[in-house]
Amino acid sequence: MLFIVTVAVYWTIWFFIDPIGDLAMRTWLLALLCAPFNIGGNIWTIAGNAESETSVFAIVSFYQRAGDNATTMLGLTGYQNAGKTAFTVFGFVGYQSAGNYALIWIGIAAYQSACTEASIGLGLVWYQRAEKRAETCKAIAIYQKVVSCSERSFAIASVLKARE
């Protein structure tokens, strides 16, 4: 069902941008780009949205939910949730949550939460919450909170960690 919704949404957006063209070819191309491939129990997709009991890997994805790891290379990720690690290389993340690590190398995040560590390399995070460590390497956090320790508003290139 998620596959059909993804293709339909992408198709509709493409139709409004360019209503002239071969509609059948457009549909097949979008279906190929959004198709989830199960390789070794993990879901791999180019531009699709996916759910998996193990891991999800995508080049571009708006929605990812995985029991282990959720990884997207670039793009607009609205929702990313993983049992272990949620990772975005480059892009915008609306909601990112993970059992262990929520990581963004370069980008903007509205909400980032992790049981172990929430970290952003270069960019901006609005709300960052972690059980043990919240980090902004070369980034700005509007609000940071480490549950067992403390919280603060507006942090630049900082590490907030739990007392050992």
Foldseek 3Di string as FASTA:
>chain_A
DQLVVQLVVVLVVVCVVPVDDDSVVSSVVSSQQAPWDQDPQETEHAAHADEGQAEYEYQHYQHYEYAAEYEYEEDHHAYAEYAAEYEYAYYEYEEYEYAAEYEYAYYEYAEYEYAHEYEYEDEEYAEYEYQFKYFYQQYWYQKYYHPQDGIDGIDGRDMDGHDD
